[in-house]
Protein backbone atom coordinates (compact mmCIF):
# COMPACT_ATOMS: atom_id res chain seq x y z
CA MET A 1 -64.42 18.34 42.17
CA THR A 2 -67.37 18.04 39.77
CA SER A 3 -66.66 16.66 36.49
CA VAL A 4 -68.55 15.76 33.18
CA LYS A 5 -67.24 13.30 30.52
CA VAL A 6 -67.91 14.89 26.93
CA ARG A 7 -68.36 12.21 24.21
CA PRO A 8 -66.80 12.97 20.74
CA GLY A 9 -69.35 14.73 18.45
CA GLU A 10 -71.32 15.78 21.51
CA PRO A 11 -72.16 19.55 21.58
CA ILE A 12 -70.65 21.73 24.20
CA ASP A 13 -73.89 23.10 25.15
CA LYS A 14 -75.22 19.68 26.29
CA ALA A 15 -72.12 19.14 28.34
CA LEU A 16 -72.52 22.56 30.06
CA ARG A 17 -76.11 21.88 30.83
CA ALA A 18 -75.15 18.72 32.38
CA LEU A 19 -72.37 20.29 34.43
CA LYS A 20 -74.82 22.92 35.77
CA LYS A 21 -77.21 20.22 36.92
CA LYS A 22 -74.71 18.44 38.66
CA THR A 23 -73.19 21.35 40.60
CA ASP A 24 -76.97 22.41 41.40
CA LYS A 25 -77.58 18.86 42.68
CA GLU A 26 -74.25 18.98 44.87
CA GLY A 27 -74.85 22.35 45.87
CA THR A 28 -71.34 23.46 44.93
CA LEU A 29 -72.00 26.93 43.92
CA LYS A 30 -74.45 27.56 46.95
CA ILE A 31 -71.62 26.68 49.36
CA ALA A 32 -68.94 28.71 47.39
CA LYS A 33 -71.24 31.78 47.50
CA ALA A 34 -71.90 31.33 51.06
CA LYS A 35 -68.17 31.33 51.95
CA ARG A 36 -67.36 34.36 49.75
CA PHE A 37 -67.98 36.75 52.47
CA HIS A 38 -67.57 36.63 56.18
CA ASP A 39 -70.77 37.02 58.24
CA LYS A 40 -70.84 37.73 62.15
CA PRO A 41 -71.92 34.77 64.28
CA SER A 42 -74.94 36.96 65.23
CA VAL A 43 -75.81 37.23 61.69
CA LYS A 44 -75.67 33.60 61.10
CA SER A 45 -77.81 32.59 63.99
CA ARG A 46 -80.27 35.36 63.12
CA ALA A 47 -80.53 33.82 59.57
CA LYS A 48 -80.78 30.27 60.97
CA ALA A 49 -83.71 31.34 63.31
CA LYS A 50 -85.41 33.01 60.23
CA ALA A 51 -85.08 29.83 58.28
CA ALA A 52 -86.35 27.59 61.05
CA LEU A 53 -89.37 30.05 61.30
CA LYS A 54 -90.15 29.66 57.61
CA TYR A 55 -89.80 25.98 57.73
CA LYS A 56 -91.98 25.68 60.79
CA LYS A 57 -94.55 27.96 59.02
CA ILE A 58 -94.58 25.97 55.96
CA LYS A 59 -94.69 22.64 57.52
CA SER A 60 -97.79 23.72 59.62
CA PHE A 61 -99.55 25.03 56.60
CA ASN A 62 -98.90 21.77 54.61
CA ARG A 63 -100.56 19.75 57.41
CA TYR A 64 -103.98 20.72 56.76
């Protein structure tokens, strides 16, 4: 579980910003959103193939 220590006198906004940054870096929210609904295996494989194609296109574009 992600945690952030708050020092005495530290504004809560700063602690919340640090917590958000930490969860984004770990990918906790992304995983939780992905597991929120069930996707059929065919939908998962289609999305995976689409992401691979996008990655391949970007990689070939950046080569030149």
